[in-house]
Amino acid sequence: MLRREEIDLLHSCRPTSHLLAALAAPPGVPLLHLRGSSRSPAAHFLNRWLYRNLTADVIVSSGRLVRWTVDRLRMPADRVHPILAPVDLERFRPAAPDPALLRELGIPPSAPVVLMVARLAPVKGHDVLVKALGVVGREFPEARLVLVGKPWEGQPAALLNQARELGLEGKVICPGHRTDVPRFLSIASLGVMSSLGSEENSRGVEEYMAAALPVVATLVGVVPELVAGGSTGILVPPGDTGALAKALADLLRDPAKAKRMGEAGRRRAADLFSFAAFDRRLRSVLGPEQT
């Protein structure tokens, strides 16, 4: 197919397709590779040769991947381009609380809602967040924790059992995988990402910011590049229950501060990962002849 068609640019997205595309690329056709994995790349000779000699440019999703690609693969820095994943700012935007959803979840309209949107996998640190709610609940007994995400092995049963043991029965709500995430954003007081690792792309954090929610998140992956700590949210060490609980309580205690952070986050979202920002950055990588 590559020999038959007139190809101006080849774009690969996974390690296997990267190698196949490099081997099959017609002479003179540049190869652009997207590297989004949270794993450190293999630094053996063949992989360095693939990147340096057969790949024109690499797109990555975080500063950590830039460092890995340059340091481990010896890829020239001017050929490695960080581009944040875009979010639809029209779909994810500030909105009034959805009363039907509050009724569905059994949440009183006056209750503070702590929201986390992420698959219920161990790496996301949901158990740390439940522990933190146990601390926060002493000051805010009406607070609810809503964990939206795909069920994982043993979850959400283990999290709900943990909540019961901490005296939080009925205050931790797991509605499963949902396609109506903007409705959940509308009822939230703040958005949380308690990940212990990964987050080379953090769609949840981007959606919180787009919806003008203040963010409490851990210092992992791309998160520190998304959240301006102290301005659009609060960043805490991964796995630190005390720091996470303090950050949650600080924002629940000061709604005006939370509102300012959320509004600043919305502006930052427009600057960093709107479709328009993504378009500008991608065009700068492709060059005018490809756009």
C-alpha atoms as a PDB file:
ATOM      1  CA  MET A   1       0.000   0.000   0.000  1.00  0.00           C
ATOM      2  CA  LEU A   2       2.782   2.436   0.873  1.00  0.00           C
ATOM      3  CA  ARG A   3       4.479   1.792  -2.468  1.00  0.00           C
ATOM      4  CA  ARG A   4       1.188   2.177  -4.350  1.00  0.00           C
ATOM      5  CA  GLU A   5      -0.170   5.312  -2.664  1.00  0.00           C
ATOM      6  CA  GLU A   6       1.361   8.753  -2.736  1.00  0.00           C
ATOM      7  CA  ILE A   7       2.330   9.131   0.913  1.00  0.00           C
ATOM      8  CA  ASP A   8       3.613  12.494   2.174  1.00  0.00           C
ATOM      9  CA  LEU A   9       3.908  11.632   5.858  1.00  0.00           C
ATOM     10  CA  LEU A  10       3.808   8.390   7.842  1.00  0.00           C
ATOM     11  CA  HIS A  11       2.515   8.439  11.424  1.00  0.00           C
ATOM     12  CA  SER A  12       2.927   5.497  13.833  1.00  0.00           C
ATOM     13  CA  CYS A  13       1.298   5.197  17.232  1.00  0.00           C
ATOM     14  CA  ARG A  14       2.592   2.048  18.968  1.00  0.00           C
ATOM     15  CA  PRO A  15       5.992   0.318  19.228  1.00  0.00           C
ATOM     16  CA  THR A  16       5.110  -2.488  16.803  1.00  0.00           C
ATOM     17  CA  SER A  17       3.641  -0.149  14.218  1.00  0.00           C
ATOM     18  CA  HIS A  18       6.657   2.132  14.686  1.00  0.00           C
ATOM     19  CA  LEU A  19       9.069  -0.582  13.584  1.00  0.00           C
ATOM     20  CA  LEU A  20       6.850  -1.806  10.743  1.00  0.00           C
ATOM     21  CA  ALA A  21       6.305   1.725   9.451  1.00  0.00           C
ATOM     22  CA  ALA A  22      10.040   2.456   9.581  1.00  0.00           C
ATOM     23  CA  LEU A  23      10.846  -0.681   7.616  1.00  0.00           C
ATOM     24  CA  ALA A  24       8.116  -0.083   5.022  1.00  0.00           C
ATOM     25  CA  ALA A  25       8.445   3.691   4.590  1.00  0.00           C
ATOM     26  CA  PRO A  26       9.140   4.760   0.990  1.00  0.00           C
ATOM     27  CA  PRO A  27      12.396   6.691   0.492  1.00  0.00           C
ATOM     28  CA  GLY A  28      12.080  10.345   1.398  1.00  0.00           C
ATOM     29  CA  VAL A  29       8.813   9.966   3.346  1.00  0.00           C
ATOM     30  CA  PRO A  30       9.254  11.251   6.932  1.00  0.00           C
ATOM     31  CA  LEU A  31       8.066   9.087   9.826  1.00  0.00           C
ATOM     32  CA  LEU A  32       6.407  10.796  12.801  1.00  0.00           C
ATOM     33  CA  HIS A  33       6.008   8.571  15.859  1.00  0.00           C
ATOM     34  CA  LEU A  34       3.644   9.099  18.800  1.00  0.00           C
ATOM     35  CA  ARG A  35       5.020   7.796  22.108  1.00  0.00           C
ATOM     36  CA  GLY A  36       2.486   7.876  24.945  1.00  0.00           C
ATOM     37  CA  SER A  37       3.544   4.951  27.114  1.00  0.00           C
ATOM     38  CA  SER A  38       4.314   5.490  30.787  1.00  0.00           C
ATOM     39  CA  ARG A  39       7.111   2.910  30.578  1.00  0.00           C
ATOM     40  CA  SER A  40      10.703   3.943  30.188  1.00  0.00           C
ATOM     41  CA  PRO A  41      11.840   3.047  26.648  1.00  0.00           C
ATOM     42  CA  ALA A  42      14.324   0.248  26.043  1.00  0.00           C
ATOM     43  CA  ALA A  43      17.712   1.844  25.427  1.00  0.00           C
ATOM     44  CA  HIS A  44      19.387  -0.925  23.445  1.00  0.00           C
ATOM     45  CA  PHE A  45      21.230  -0.160  20.211  1.00  0.00           C
ATOM     46  CA  LEU A  46      18.439  -1.200  17.830  1.00  0.00           C
ATOM     47  CA  ASN A  47      15.849   0.992  19.538  1.00  0.00           C
ATOM     48  CA  ARG A  48      18.187   3.988  19.536  1.00  0.00           C
ATOM     49  CA  TRP A  49      18.877   3.357  15.843  1.00  0.00           C
ATOM     50  CA  LEU A  50      15.151   3.177  15.089  1.00  0.00           C
ATOM     51  CA  TYR A  51      14.522   6.527  16.740  1.00  0.00           C
ATOM     52  CA  ARG A  52      17.617   8.417  15.643  1.00  0.00           C
ATOM     53  CA  ASN A  53      18.018   7.138  12.088  1.00  0.00           C
ATOM     54  CA  LEU A  54      14.584   6.091  10.844  1.00  0.00           C
ATOM     55  CA  THR A  55      12.286   8.509  12.693  1.00  0.00           C
ATOM     56  CA  ALA A  56      12.003  12.158  11.701  1.00  0.00           C
ATOM     57  CA  ASP A  57      10.216  13.402  14.820  1.00  0.00           C
ATOM     58  CA  VAL A  58       8.551  12.075  17.964  1.00  0.00           C
ATOM     59  CA  ILE A  59       5.431  13.408  19.694  1.00  0.00           C
ATOM     60  CA  VAL A  60       5.186  12.724  23.435  1.00  0.00           C
ATOM     61  CA  SER A  61       2.603  13.562  26.058  1.00  0.00           C
ATOM     62  CA  SER A  62       4.723  14.781  28.981  1.00  0.00           C
ATOM     63  CA  GLY A  63       8.022  16.302  29.971  1.00  0.00           C
ATOM     64  CA  ARG A  64       9.117  13.005  31.508  1.00  0.00           C
ATOM     65  CA  LEU A  65       8.756  11.309  28.122  1.00  0.00           C
ATOM     66  CA  VAL A  66      10.785  14.110  26.550  1.00  0.00           C
ATOM     67  CA  ARG A  67      13.614  13.416  29.008  1.00  0.00           C
ATOM     68  CA  TRP A  68      13.435   9.650  28.475  1.00  0.00           C
ATOM     69  CA  THR A  69      13.451   9.982  24.697  1.00  0.00           C
ATOM     70  CA  VAL A  70      16.386  12.382  24.694  1.00  0.00           C
ATOM     71  CA  ASP A  71      18.450  10.800  27.483  1.00  0.00           C
ATOM     72  CA  ARG A  72      17.831   7.090  26.902  1.00  0.00           C
ATOM     73  CA  LEU A  73      17.314   6.999  23.126  1.00  0.00           C
ATOM     74  CA  ARG A  74      19.735   9.826  22.274  1.00  0.00           C
ATOM     75  CA  MET A  75      17.062  11.496  20.165  1.00  0.00           C
ATOM     76  CA  PRO A  76      17.961  15.158  19.414  1.00  0.00           C
ATOM     77  CA  ALA A  77      15.833  17.416  21.610  1.00  0.00           C
ATOM     78  CA  ASP A  78      14.648  19.520  18.670  1.00  0.00           C
ATOM     79  CA  ARG A  79      13.006  16.412  17.198  1.00  0.00           C
ATOM     80  CA  VAL A  80      10.977  15.568  20.330  1.00  0.00           C
ATOM     81  CA  HIS A  81       7.719  17.499  20.737  1.00  0.00           C
ATOM     82  CA  PRO A  82       5.463  17.455  23.817  1.00  0.00           C
ATOM     83  CA  ILE A  83       1.779  17.890  22.943  1.00  0.00           C
ATOM     84  CA  LEU A  84      -0.951  17.586  25.573  1.00  0.00           C
ATOM     85  CA  ALA A  85      -4.018  15.521  24.734  1.00  0.00           C
ATOM     86  CA  PRO A  86      -6.911  17.857  23.806  1.00  0.00           C
ATOM     87  CA  VAL A  87     -10.292  18.123  25.515  1.00  0.00           C
ATOM     88  CA  ASP A  88     -13.534  19.480  24.089  1.00  0.00           C
ATOM     89  CA  LEU A  89     -14.072  22.690  26.042  1.00  0.00           C
ATOM     90  CA  GLU A  90     -17.606  22.973  24.696  1.00  0.00           C
ATOM     91  CA  ARG A  91     -18.646  19.621  26.144  1.00  0.00           C
ATOM     92  CA  PHE A  92     -16.649  19.989  29.355  1.00  0.00           C
ATOM     93  CA  ARG A  93     -17.539  23.399  30.723  1.00  0.00           C
ATOM     94  CA  PRO A  94     -18.900  25.012  33.898  1.00  0.00           C
ATOM     95  CA  ALA A  95     -22.555  24.118  34.493  1.00  0.00           C
ATOM     96  CA  ALA A  96     -25.196  24.336  37.198  1.00  0.00           C
ATOM     97  CA  PRO A  97     -25.559  21.218  39.373  1.00  0.00           C
ATOM     98  CA  ASP A  98     -27.742  18.553  37.792  1.00  0.00           C
ATOM     99  CA  PRO A  99     -30.607  17.984  40.279  1.00  0.00           C
ATOM    100  CA  ALA A 100     -31.676  14.729  38.618  1.00  0.00           C
ATOM    101  CA  LEU A 101     -28.219  13.245  39.085  1.00  0.00           C
ATOM    102  CA  LEU A 102     -28.120  14.315  42.744  1.00  0.00           C
ATOM    103  CA  ARG A 103     -31.448  12.527  43.265  1.00  0.00           C
ATOM    104  CA  GLU A 104     -30.181   9.449  41.395  1.00  0.00           C
ATOM    105  CA  LEU A 105     -27.120   9.229  43.640  1.00  0.00           C
ATOM    106  CA  GLY A 106     -29.016  10.096  46.822  1.00  0.00           C
ATOM    107  CA  ILE A 107     -26.856  13.151  47.532  1.00  0.00           C
ATOM    108  CA  PRO A 108     -28.403  16.139  49.376  1.00  0.00           C
ATOM    109  CA  PRO A 109     -28.066  19.361  47.332  1.00  0.00           C
ATOM    110  CA  SER A 110     -26.094  20.988  50.158  1.00  0.00           C
ATOM    111  CA  ALA A 111     -23.525  18.176  50.503  1.00  0.00           C
ATOM    112  CA  PRO A 112     -19.961  18.808  49.290  1.00  0.00           C
ATOM    113  CA  VAL A 113     -19.082  16.358  46.516  1.00  0.00           C
ATOM    114  CA  VAL A 114     -15.521  15.129  45.977  1.00  0.00           C
ATOM    115  CA  LEU A 115     -15.276  13.598  42.502  1.00  0.00           C
ATOM    116  CA  MET A 116     -12.743  11.271  40.934  1.00  0.00           C
ATOM    117  CA  VAL A 117     -13.100  10.020  37.361  1.00  0.00           C
ATOM    118  CA  ALA A 118     -10.755   7.106  36.644  1.00  0.00           C
ATOM    119  CA  ARG A 119     -10.856   3.351  36.150  1.00  0.00           C
ATOM    120  CA  LEU A 120     -10.952   1.542  39.493  1.00  0.00           C
ATOM    121  CA  ALA A 121      -7.429   0.134  39.149  1.00  0.00           C
ATOM    122  CA  PRO A 122      -4.886  -0.004  42.017  1.00  0.00           C
ATOM    123  CA  VAL A 123      -2.531   2.458  40.291  1.00  0.00           C
ATOM    124  CA  LYS A 124      -5.168   5.183  40.642  1.00  0.00           C
ATOM    125  CA  GLY A 125      -4.919   5.178  44.445  1.00  0.00           C
ATOM    126  CA  HIS A 126      -8.645   5.100  45.223  1.00  0.00           C
ATOM    127  CA  ASP A 127      -7.962   3.433  48.572  1.00  0.00           C
ATOM    128  CA  VAL A 128      -5.764   6.366  49.617  1.00  0.00           C
ATOM    129  CA  LEU A 129      -8.567   8.744  48.673  1.00  0.00           C
ATOM    130  CA  VAL A 130     -11.126   6.797  50.714  1.00  0.00           C
ATOM    131  CA  LYS A 131      -8.787   6.982  53.722  1.00  0.00           C
ATOM    132  CA  ALA A 132      -8.438  10.731  53.174  1.00  0.00           C
ATOM    133  CA  LEU A 133     -12.228  11.105  53.142  1.00  0.00           C
ATOM    134  CA  GLY A 134     -12.279   9.384  56.520  1.00  0.00           C
ATOM    135  CA  VAL A 135     -10.147  12.233  57.860  1.00  0.00           C
ATOM    136  CA  VAL A 136     -12.042  14.975  56.005  1.00  0.00           C
ATOM    137  CA  GLY A 137     -15.371  13.555  57.150  1.00  0.00           C
ATOM    138  CA  ARG A 138     -14.648  14.538  60.751  1.00  0.00           C
ATOM    139  CA  GLU A 139     -14.945  18.195  59.735  1.00  0.00           C
ATOM    140  CA  PHE A 140     -17.358  17.715  56.830  1.00  0.00           C
ATOM    141  CA  PRO A 141     -19.670  14.847  57.807  1.00  0.00           C
ATOM    142  CA  GLU A 142     -21.996  15.557  54.878  1.00  0.00           C
ATOM    143  CA  ALA A 143     -19.224  15.197  52.270  1.00  0.00           C
ATOM    144  CA  ARG A 144     -19.687  12.543  49.601  1.00  0.00           C
ATOM    145  CA  LEU A 145     -17.006  10.843  47.520  1.00  0.00           C
ATOM    146  CA  VAL A 146     -18.141   9.863  44.024  1.00  0.00           C
ATOM    147  CA  LEU A 147     -15.849   7.461  42.160  1.00  0.00           C
ATOM    148  CA  VAL A 148     -16.831   7.294  38.496  1.00  0.00           C
ATOM    149  CA  GLY A 149     -14.957   4.647  36.540  1.00  0.00           C
ATOM    150  CA  LYS A 150     -14.819   1.205  35.032  1.00  0.00           C
ATOM    151  CA  PRO A 151     -14.954  -1.594  37.624  1.00  0.00           C
ATOM    152  CA  TRP A 152     -11.675  -3.473  38.077  1.00  0.00           C
ATOM    153  CA  GLU A 153     -10.836  -6.828  39.597  1.00  0.00           C
ATOM    154  CA  GLY A 154     -12.267  -6.784  43.128  1.00  0.00           C
ATOM    155  CA  GLN A 155     -13.586  -3.252  42.714  1.00  0.00           C
ATOM    156  CA  PRO A 156     -15.699  -1.439  43.700  1.00  0.00           C
ATOM    157  CA  ALA A 157     -16.526  -4.049  46.369  1.00  0.00           C
ATOM    158  CA  ALA A 158     -13.210  -3.630  48.207  1.00  0.00           C
ATOM    159  CA  LEU A 159     -13.504   0.159  48.251  1.00  0.00           C
ATOM    160  CA  LEU A 160     -17.070   0.031  49.574  1.00  0.00           C
ATOM    161  CA  ASN A 161     -15.980  -2.420  52.269  1.00  0.00           C
ATOM    162  CA  GLN A 162     -13.107  -0.095  53.178  1.00  0.00           C
ATOM    163  CA  ALA A 163     -15.597   2.774  53.436  1.00  0.00           C
ATOM    164  CA  ARG A 164     -17.801   0.746  55.818  1.00  0.00           C
ATOM    165  CA  GLU A 165     -14.812  -0.057  58.024  1.00  0.00           C
ATOM    166  CA  LEU A 166     -14.004   3.663  58.219  1.00  0.00           C
ATOM    167  CA  GLY A 167     -17.574   4.588  59.131  1.00  0.00           C
ATOM    168  CA  LEU A 168     -18.257   6.031  55.667  1.00  0.00           C
ATOM    169  CA  GLU A 169     -21.060   3.723  54.606  1.00  0.00           C
ATOM    170  CA  GLY A 170     -23.296   5.514  52.107  1.00  0.00           C
ATOM    171  CA  LYS A 171     -20.793   8.326  51.676  1.00  0.00           C
ATOM    172  CA  VAL A 172     -18.648   6.632  49.029  1.00  0.00           C
ATOM    173  CA  ILE A 173     -20.596   6.185  45.803  1.00  0.00           C
ATOM    174  CA  CYS A 174     -19.414   4.088  42.850  1.00  0.00           C
ATOM    175  CA  PRO A 175     -21.757   4.536  39.855  1.00  0.00           C
ATOM    176  CA  GLY A 176     -19.476   2.576  37.499  1.00  0.00           C
ATOM    177  CA  HIS A 177     -18.437   3.536  33.994  1.00  0.00           C
ATOM    178  CA  ARG A 178     -20.507   6.472  32.745  1.00  0.00           C
ATOM    179  CA  THR A 179     -20.732   8.304  29.455  1.00  0.00           C
ATOM    180  CA  ASP A 180     -22.396  11.358  31.042  1.00  0.00           C
ATOM    181  CA  VAL A 181     -19.282  12.630  32.831  1.00  0.00           C
ATOM    182  CA  PRO A 182     -20.203  16.337  32.354  1.00  0.00           C
ATOM    183  CA  ARG A 183     -23.233  15.781  34.611  1.00  0.00           C
ATOM    184  CA  PHE A 184     -20.929  14.516  37.365  1.00  0.00           C
ATOM    185  CA  LEU A 185     -18.621  17.479  36.918  1.00  0.00           C
ATOM    186  CA  SER A 186     -21.608  19.785  37.424  1.00  0.00           C
ATOM    187  CA  ILE A 187     -22.336  18.431  40.930  1.00  0.00           C
ATOM    188  CA  ALA A 188     -18.713  18.328  42.129  1.00  0.00           C
ATOM    189  CA  SER A 189     -17.102  20.728  44.560  1.00  0.00           C
ATOM    190  CA  LEU A 190     -13.648  19.660  43.368  1.00  0.00           C
ATOM    191  CA  GLY A 191     -11.946  17.047  41.207  1.00  0.00           C
ATOM    192  CA  VAL A 192      -9.348  14.590  42.503  1.00  0.00           C
ATOM    193  CA  MET A 193      -6.708  12.410  40.868  1.00  0.00           C
ATOM    194  CA  SER A 194      -5.009  10.306  43.540  1.00  0.00           C
ATOM    195  CA  SER A 195      -2.858   8.244  41.178  1.00  0.00           C
ATOM    196  CA  LEU A 196       0.206   6.454  42.470  1.00  0.00           C
ATOM    197  CA  GLY A 197       1.839   6.379  39.020  1.00  0.00           C
ATOM    198  CA  SER A 198       1.212   6.505  35.263  1.00  0.00           C
ATOM    199  CA  GLU A 199      -0.843   9.589  34.158  1.00  0.00           C
ATOM    200  CA  GLU A 200       1.229  10.265  31.043  1.00  0.00           C
ATOM    201  CA  ASN A 201      -2.128  11.478  29.790  1.00  0.00           C
ATOM    202  CA  SER A 202      -4.589  12.585  32.456  1.00  0.00           C
ATOM    203  CA  ARG A 203      -7.927  13.130  30.796  1.00  0.00           C
ATOM    204  CA  GLY A 204      -9.683  13.279  34.156  1.00  0.00           C
ATOM    205  CA  VAL A 205      -7.591  16.228  35.335  1.00  0.00           C
ATOM    206  CA  GLU A 206      -8.084  18.001  32.008  1.00  0.00           C
ATOM    207  CA  GLU A 207     -11.856  17.539  32.234  1.00  0.00           C
ATOM    208  CA  TYR A 208     -11.929  18.902  35.795  1.00  0.00           C
ATOM    209  CA  MET A 209     -10.061  22.006  34.700  1.00  0.00           C
ATOM    210  CA  ALA A 210     -12.226  22.480  31.612  1.00  0.00           C
ATOM    211  CA  ALA A 211     -15.285  22.395  33.882  1.00  0.00           C
ATOM    212  CA  ALA A 212     -13.744  25.037  36.186  1.00  0.00           C
ATOM    213  CA  LEU A 213     -13.253  22.651  39.114  1.00  0.00           C
ATOM    214  CA  PRO A 214     -10.323  23.141  41.486  1.00  0.00           C
ATOM    215  CA  VAL A 215      -8.058  20.105  41.333  1.00  0.00           C
ATOM    216  CA  VAL A 216      -6.351  18.070  44.020  1.00  0.00           C
ATOM    217  CA  ALA A 217      -3.895  15.689  42.390  1.00  0.00           C
ATOM    218  CA  THR A 218      -0.703  13.757  42.983  1.00  0.00           C
ATOM    219  CA  LEU A 219       2.713  14.636  41.616  1.00  0.00           C
ATOM    220  CA  VAL A 220       2.878  11.922  38.968  1.00  0.00           C
ATOM    221  CA  GLY A 221       3.246  11.819  35.179  1.00  0.00           C
ATOM    222  CA  VAL A 222       1.971  14.831  33.284  1.00  0.00           C
ATOM    223  CA  VAL A 223      -0.139  16.146  36.181  1.00  0.00           C
ATOM    224  CA  PRO A 224       2.340  18.851  37.333  1.00  0.00           C
ATOM    225  CA  GLU A 225       2.372  20.163  33.751  1.00  0.00           C
ATOM    226  CA  LEU A 226      -1.424  20.468  33.770  1.00  0.00           C
ATOM    227  CA  VAL A 227      -2.129  21.770  37.272  1.00  0.00           C
ATOM    228  CA  ALA A 228      -0.455  24.971  38.395  1.00  0.00           C
ATOM    229  CA  GLY A 229      -0.011  24.164  42.076  1.00  0.00           C
ATOM    230  CA  GLY A 230      -1.401  26.924  44.279  1.00  0.00           C
ATOM    231  CA  SER A 231      -3.146  28.574  41.332  1.00  0.00           C
ATOM    232  CA  THR A 232      -5.463  26.037  39.699  1.00  0.00           C
ATOM    233  CA  GLY A 233      -5.270  23.348  42.365  1.00  0.00           C
ATOM    234  CA  ILE A 234      -3.172  21.625  45.004  1.00  0.00           C
ATOM    235  CA  LEU A 235      -0.507  19.000  44.257  1.00  0.00           C
ATOM    236  CA  VAL A 236       0.417  16.371  46.843  1.00  0.00           C
ATOM    237  CA  PRO A 237       2.865  13.442  47.013  1.00  0.00           C
ATOM    238  CA  PRO A 238       1.416  10.129  45.793  1.00  0.00           C
ATOM    239  CA  GLY A 239       0.212   7.809  48.543  1.00  0.00           C
ATOM    240  CA  ASP A 240       0.269  10.527  51.233  1.00  0.00           C
ATOM    241  CA  THR A 241      -3.127  10.253  52.954  1.00  0.00           C
ATOM    242  CA  GLY A 242      -2.476  13.160  55.295  1.00  0.00           C
ATOM    243  CA  ALA A 243      -1.445  15.585  52.559  1.00  0.00           C
ATOM    244  CA  LEU A 244      -4.384  14.527  50.407  1.00  0.00           C
ATOM    245  CA  ALA A 245      -6.857  14.986  53.267  1.00  0.00           C
ATOM    246  CA  LYS A 246      -5.418  18.419  54.124  1.00  0.00           C
ATOM    247  CA  ALA A 247      -5.729  19.583  50.502  1.00  0.00           C
ATOM    248  CA  LEU A 248      -9.338  18.403  50.282  1.00  0.00           C
ATOM    249  CA  ALA A 249     -10.258  20.085  53.557  1.00  0.00           C
ATOM    250  CA  ASP A 250      -8.516  23.339  52.572  1.00  0.00           C
ATOM    251  CA  LEU A 251     -10.669  23.670  49.464  1.00  0.00           C
ATOM    252  CA  LEU A 252     -13.908  22.550  51.114  1.00  0.00           C
ATOM    253  CA  ARG A 253     -13.243  25.048  53.910  1.00  0.00           C
ATOM    254  CA  ASP A 254     -12.731  27.964  51.516  1.00  0.00           C
ATOM    255  CA  PRO A 255     -15.296  27.929  48.657  1.00  0.00           C
ATOM    256  CA  ALA A 256     -14.134  31.330  47.397  1.00  0.00           C
ATOM    257  CA  LYS A 257     -10.577  30.042  46.994  1.00  0.00           C
ATOM    258  CA  ALA A 258     -11.889  26.906  45.308  1.00  0.00           C
ATOM    259  CA  LYS A 259     -13.908  29.025  42.878  1.00  0.00           C
ATOM    260  CA  ARG A 260     -10.881  31.177  42.008  1.00  0.00           C
ATOM    261  CA  MET A 261      -8.776  28.082  41.369  1.00  0.00           C
ATOM    262  CA  GLY A 262     -11.484  26.553  39.200  1.00  0.00           C
ATOM    263  CA  GLU A 263     -11.818  29.671  37.079  1.00  0.00           C
ATOM    264  CA  ALA A 264      -8.036  29.886  36.684  1.00  0.00           C
ATOM    265  CA  GLY A 265      -8.046  26.221  35.672  1.00  0.00           C
ATOM    266  CA  ARG A 266     -10.612  26.859  32.957  1.00  0.00           C
ATOM    267  CA  ARG A 267      -8.425  29.629  31.519  1.00  0.00           C
ATOM    268  CA  ARG A 268      -5.365  27.396  31.696  1.00  0.00           C
ATOM    269  CA  ALA A 269      -7.269  24.620  29.931  1.00  0.00           C
ATOM    270  CA  ALA A 270      -8.048  26.972  27.045  1.00  0.00           C
ATOM    271  CA  ASP A 271      -4.371  27.894  26.768  1.00  0.00           C
ATOM    272  CA  LEU A 272      -2.891  24.395  27.083  1.00  0.00           C
ATOM    273  CA  PHE A 273      -5.241  21.689  25.830  1.00  0.00           C
ATOM    274  CA  SER A 274      -8.187  23.094  23.937  1.00  0.00           C
ATOM    275  CA  PHE A 275      -8.668  21.808  20.394  1.00  0.00           C
ATOM    276  CA  ALA A 276      -7.318  25.152  19.162  1.00  0.00           C
ATOM    277  CA  ALA A 277      -4.136  24.773  21.252  1.00  0.00           C
ATOM    278  CA  PHE A 278      -3.699  21.184  20.031  1.00  0.00           C
ATOM    279  CA  ASP A 279      -4.160  22.303  16.424  1.00  0.00           C
ATOM    280  CA  ARG A 280      -1.530  25.043  16.764  1.00  0.00           C
ATOM    281  CA  ARG A 281       1.002  22.718  18.360  1.00  0.00           C
ATOM    282  CA  LEU A 282       0.475  19.892  15.886  1.00  0.00           C
ATOM    283  CA  ARG A 283       0.762  22.264  12.925  1.00  0.00           C
ATOM    284  CA  SER A 284       4.046  23.552  14.292  1.00  0.00           C
ATOM    285  CA  VAL A 285       5.366  19.971  14.321  1.00  0.00           C
ATOM    286  CA  LEU A 286       4.030  18.928  10.920  1.00  0.00           C
ATOM    287  CA  GLY A 287       5.107  22.105   9.181  1.00  0.00           C
ATOM    288  CA  PRO A 288       3.141  24.122   6.645  1.00  0.00           C
ATOM    289  CA  GLU A 289       3.776  21.660   3.833  1.00  0.00           C
ATOM    290  CA  GLN A 290       1.880  18.929   5.757  1.00  0.00           C
ATOM    291  CA  THR A 291      -1.056  21.096   6.891  1.00  0.00           C
END
